[in-house]
Amino acid sequence: MGYYGINILIKRKDNNMINAIKEVSLKSLDMINKNADGLNKLAGFLKDMQDNQNLMATKVLELEEKQKRTVEELSKYEQRNNN
């Protein structure tokens, strides 16, 4: 087989690979479009979870600050009573 024959085989293989990639891409796109509603619901759920985690983190920080102030006040109170 000569150079010309090898080039034809390579082009044929390249075309087959390109067609296979296009087919897989189209099937993937179809699957995503069919499941778009489910994906949107999942994204909404994940956003709600993130919002809840952020709220919880804020509450924890507030509680830590309250605890620190309470400990400081208790320490001052004990110092006054011990003197």
N, C-alpha and C. Protein backbone atom coordinates (compact mmCIF):
# COMPACT_ATOMS: atom_id res chain seq x y z
N MET A 1 0.86 -1.16 0.00
CA MET A 1 0.00 0.00 0.00
C MET A 1 0.90 1.23 0.00
N GLY A 2 0.59 2.13 -0.86
CA GLY A 2 1.42 3.31 -0.99
C GLY A 2 0.96 4.46 -0.12
N TYR A 3 1.65 5.57 -0.30
CA TYR A 3 1.38 6.78 0.46
C TYR A 3 -0.06 7.23 0.26
N TYR A 4 -0.53 7.19 -0.97
CA TYR A 4 -1.89 7.64 -1.30
C TYR A 4 -2.92 6.77 -0.58
N GLY A 5 -2.71 5.47 -0.57
CA GLY A 5 -3.64 4.56 0.08
C GLY A 5 -3.68 4.77 1.59
N ILE A 6 -2.51 5.02 2.18
CA ILE A 6 -2.45 5.27 3.63
C ILE A 6 -3.18 6.56 3.98
N ASN A 7 -3.01 7.60 3.16
CA ASN A 7 -3.71 8.86 3.41
C ASN A 7 -5.22 8.69 3.34
N ILE A 8 -5.69 7.90 2.40
CA ILE A 8 -7.13 7.65 2.29
C ILE A 8 -7.64 6.95 3.54
N LEU A 9 -6.90 5.93 4.01
CA LEU A 9 -7.30 5.21 5.22
C LEU A 9 -7.30 6.13 6.44
N ILE A 10 -6.31 7.00 6.54
CA ILE A 10 -6.23 7.93 7.68
C ILE A 10 -7.42 8.90 7.63
N LYS A 11 -7.71 9.42 6.44
CA LYS A 11 -8.84 10.35 6.31
C LYS A 11 -10.15 9.66 6.64
N ARG A 12 -10.29 8.41 6.21
CA ARG A 12 -11.50 7.64 6.47
C ARG A 12 -11.65 7.43 7.99
N LYS A 13 -10.55 7.07 8.62
CA LYS A 13 -10.58 6.85 10.08
C LYS A 13 -10.89 8.15 10.80
N ASP A 14 -10.27 9.26 10.36
CA ASP A 14 -10.54 10.57 10.97
C ASP A 14 -12.02 10.93 10.82
N ASN A 15 -12.57 10.70 9.64
CA ASN A 15 -13.99 11.00 9.41
C ASN A 15 -14.88 10.14 10.30
N ASN A 16 -14.53 8.86 10.45
CA ASN A 16 -15.31 7.97 11.32
C ASN A 16 -15.24 8.44 12.77
N MET A 17 -14.05 8.87 13.20
CA MET A 17 -13.90 9.36 14.57
C MET A 17 -14.69 10.64 14.78
N ILE A 18 -14.63 11.55 13.82
CA ILE A 18 -15.38 12.81 13.91
C ILE A 18 -16.87 12.53 13.98
N ASN A 19 -17.35 11.62 13.14
CA ASN A 19 -18.78 11.27 13.16
C ASN A 19 -19.17 10.64 14.49
N ALA A 20 -18.31 9.79 15.04
CA ALA A 20 -18.59 9.15 16.33
C ALA A 20 -18.64 10.20 17.44
N ILE A 21 -17.72 11.15 17.40
CA ILE A 21 -17.70 12.21 18.41
C ILE A 21 -18.96 13.06 18.30
N LYS A 22 -19.35 13.39 17.07
CA LYS A 22 -20.57 14.19 16.87
C LYS A 22 -21.78 13.43 17.40
N GLU A 23 -21.84 12.13 17.14
CA GLU A 23 -22.97 11.32 17.60
C GLU A 23 -23.03 11.28 19.12
N VAL A 24 -21.88 11.06 19.75
CA VAL A 24 -21.82 11.03 21.21
C VAL A 24 -22.20 12.40 21.77
N SER A 25 -21.70 13.47 21.14
CA SER A 25 -22.00 14.82 21.61
C SER A 25 -23.50 15.11 21.50
N LEU A 26 -24.10 14.71 20.38
CA LEU A 26 -25.53 14.94 20.20
C LEU A 26 -26.35 14.12 21.21
N LYS A 27 -25.93 12.86 21.46
CA LYS A 27 -26.64 12.05 22.44
C LYS A 27 -26.50 12.66 23.82
N SER A 28 -25.31 13.15 24.14
CA SER A 28 -25.10 13.79 25.43
C SER A 28 -25.95 15.05 25.56
N LEU A 29 -26.00 15.83 24.49
CA LEU A 29 -26.81 17.04 24.50
C LEU A 29 -28.29 16.70 24.66
N ASP A 30 -28.75 15.69 23.97
CA ASP A 30 -30.14 15.26 24.11
C ASP A 30 -30.43 14.82 25.54
N MET A 31 -29.51 14.07 26.13
CA MET A 31 -29.69 13.59 27.50
C MET A 31 -29.75 14.78 28.46
N ILE A 32 -28.88 15.75 28.27
CA ILE A 32 -28.88 16.94 29.14
C ILE A 32 -30.18 17.70 28.97
N ASN A 33 -30.64 17.86 27.74
CA ASN A 33 -31.90 18.57 27.51
C ASN A 33 -33.07 17.84 28.15
N LYS A 34 -33.07 16.52 28.06
CA LYS A 34 -34.17 15.74 28.65
C LYS A 34 -34.14 15.84 30.17
N ASN A 35 -32.96 15.95 30.74
CA ASN A 35 -32.83 15.98 32.20
C ASN A 35 -32.64 17.39 32.73
N ALA A 36 -32.88 18.40 31.92
CA ALA A 36 -32.66 19.78 32.34
C ALA A 36 -33.49 20.13 33.57
N ASP A 37 -34.72 19.68 33.60
CA ASP A 37 -35.59 19.98 34.74
C ASP A 37 -35.01 19.38 36.02
N GLY A 38 -34.57 18.13 35.93
CA GLY A 38 -33.96 17.49 37.09
C GLY A 38 -32.68 18.19 37.51
N LEU A 39 -31.88 18.62 36.54
CA LEU A 39 -30.65 19.33 36.86
C LEU A 39 -30.95 20.68 37.50
N ASN A 40 -31.99 21.35 37.03
CA ASN A 40 -32.37 22.63 37.64
C ASN A 40 -32.85 22.43 39.07
N LYS A 41 -33.61 21.37 39.31
CA LYS A 41 -34.06 21.07 40.67
C LYS A 41 -32.86 20.77 41.58
N LEU A 42 -31.92 20.01 41.06
CA LEU A 42 -30.71 19.70 41.83
C LEU A 42 -29.93 20.98 42.14
N ALA A 43 -29.80 21.86 41.16
CA ALA A 43 -29.08 23.12 41.38
C ALA A 43 -29.80 23.96 42.44
N GLY A 44 -31.12 23.98 42.40
CA GLY A 44 -31.89 24.71 43.41
C GLY A 44 -31.69 24.12 44.79
N PHE A 45 -31.70 22.80 44.86
CA PHE A 45 -31.48 22.12 46.14
C PHE A 45 -30.10 22.44 46.70
N LEU A 46 -29.08 22.39 45.83
CA LEU A 46 -27.71 22.68 46.27
C LEU A 46 -27.58 24.14 46.72
N LYS A 47 -28.28 25.05 46.03
CA LYS A 47 -28.24 26.46 46.44
C LYS A 47 -28.88 26.62 47.81
N ASP A 48 -30.02 25.96 48.03
CA ASP A 48 -30.67 26.02 49.34
C ASP A 48 -29.76 25.47 50.44
N MET A 49 -29.08 24.37 50.13
CA MET A 49 -28.14 23.80 51.11
C MET A 49 -27.02 24.78 51.43
N GLN A 50 -26.49 25.42 50.42
CA GLN A 50 -25.41 26.40 50.62
C GLN A 50 -25.91 27.58 51.44
N ASP A 51 -27.12 28.05 51.14
CA ASP A 51 -27.69 29.15 51.91
C ASP A 51 -27.86 28.76 53.37
N ASN A 52 -28.33 27.54 53.61
CA ASN A 52 -28.50 27.07 54.98
C ASN A 52 -27.17 26.94 55.70
N GLN A 53 -26.15 26.46 55.01
CA GLN A 53 -24.83 26.35 55.61
C GLN A 53 -24.27 27.73 55.96
N ASN A 54 -24.48 28.69 55.06
CA ASN A 54 -24.01 30.05 55.34
C ASN A 54 -24.73 30.64 56.55
N LEU A 55 -26.04 30.41 56.62
CA LEU A 55 -26.82 30.89 57.76
C LEU A 55 -26.34 30.25 59.06
N MET A 56 -26.10 28.94 59.00
CA MET A 56 -25.62 28.22 60.18
C MET A 56 -24.24 28.74 60.60
N ALA A 57 -23.36 28.99 59.66
CA ALA A 57 -22.04 29.51 59.99
C ALA A 57 -22.15 30.88 60.65
N THR A 58 -23.05 31.70 60.15
CA THR A 58 -23.27 33.02 60.74
C THR A 58 -23.76 32.88 62.18
N LYS A 59 -24.71 31.98 62.39
CA LYS A 59 -25.24 31.75 63.74
C LYS A 59 -24.15 31.25 64.68
N VAL A 60 -23.30 30.36 64.21
CA VAL A 60 -22.21 29.84 65.03
C VAL A 60 -21.27 30.98 65.43
N LEU A 61 -20.92 31.84 64.48
CA LEU A 61 -20.05 32.98 64.79
C LEU A 61 -20.69 33.89 65.83
N GLU A 62 -21.99 34.14 65.66
CA GLU A 62 -22.69 34.98 66.64
C GLU A 62 -22.66 34.34 68.02
N LEU A 63 -22.90 33.04 68.08
CA LEU A 63 -22.87 32.35 69.37
C LEU A 63 -21.48 32.36 70.00
N GLU A 64 -20.45 32.20 69.17
CA GLU A 64 -19.08 32.26 69.69
C GLU A 64 -18.78 33.63 70.27
N GLU A 65 -19.22 34.68 69.59
CA GLU A 65 -19.01 36.04 70.10
C GLU A 65 -19.76 36.24 71.42
N LYS A 66 -21.00 35.75 71.48
CA LYS A 66 -21.79 35.84 72.72
C LYS A 66 -21.10 35.10 73.85
N GLN A 67 -20.60 33.92 73.56
CA GLN A 67 -19.92 33.12 74.57
C GLN A 67 -18.68 33.85 75.08
N LYS A 68 -17.93 34.44 74.17
CA LYS A 68 -16.72 35.16 74.55
C LYS A 68 -17.07 36.33 75.47
N ARG A 69 -18.11 37.10 75.12
CA ARG A 69 -18.53 38.22 75.97
C ARG A 69 -19.00 37.73 77.33
N THR A 70 -19.73 36.62 77.33
CA THR A 70 -20.23 36.06 78.59
C THR A 70 -19.07 35.63 79.49
N VAL A 71 -18.08 34.98 78.92
CA VAL A 71 -16.92 34.54 79.69
C VAL A 71 -16.17 35.75 80.23
N GLU A 72 -16.03 36.79 79.42
CA GLU A 72 -15.36 38.00 79.88
C GLU A 72 -16.13 38.65 81.03
N GLU A 73 -17.45 38.74 80.89
CA GLU A 73 -18.27 39.33 81.95
C GLU A 73 -18.20 38.49 83.22
N LEU A 74 -18.23 37.20 83.08
CA LEU A 74 -18.15 36.30 84.23
C LEU A 74 -16.80 36.46 84.93
N SER A 75 -15.74 36.59 84.12
CA SER A 75 -14.41 36.76 84.68
C SER A 75 -14.33 38.06 85.47
N LYS A 76 -14.88 39.14 84.91
CA LYS A 76 -14.90 40.43 85.61
C LYS A 76 -15.72 40.32 86.91
N TYR A 77 -16.84 39.66 86.83
CA TYR A 77 -17.71 39.49 88.01
C TYR A 77 -16.97 38.72 89.12
N GLU A 78 -16.28 37.66 88.73
CA GLU A 78 -15.54 36.87 89.72
C GLU A 78 -14.40 37.66 90.32
N GLN A 79 -13.74 38.48 89.50
CA GLN A 79 -12.64 39.30 90.02
C GLN A 79 -13.17 40.31 91.04
N ARG A 80 -14.32 40.92 90.77
CA ARG A 80 -14.91 41.89 91.69
C ARG A 80 -15.30 41.23 93.00
N ASN A 81 -15.85 40.04 92.91
CA ASN A 81 -16.30 39.34 94.12
C ASN A 81 -15.13 38.76 94.93
N ASN A 82 -14.03 38.48 94.29
CA ASN A 82 -12.87 37.93 94.99
C ASN A 82 -12.06 39.01 95.69
N ASN A 83 -12.23 40.25 95.31
CA ASN A 83 -11.45 41.34 95.91
C ASN A 83 -12.12 41.89 97.10
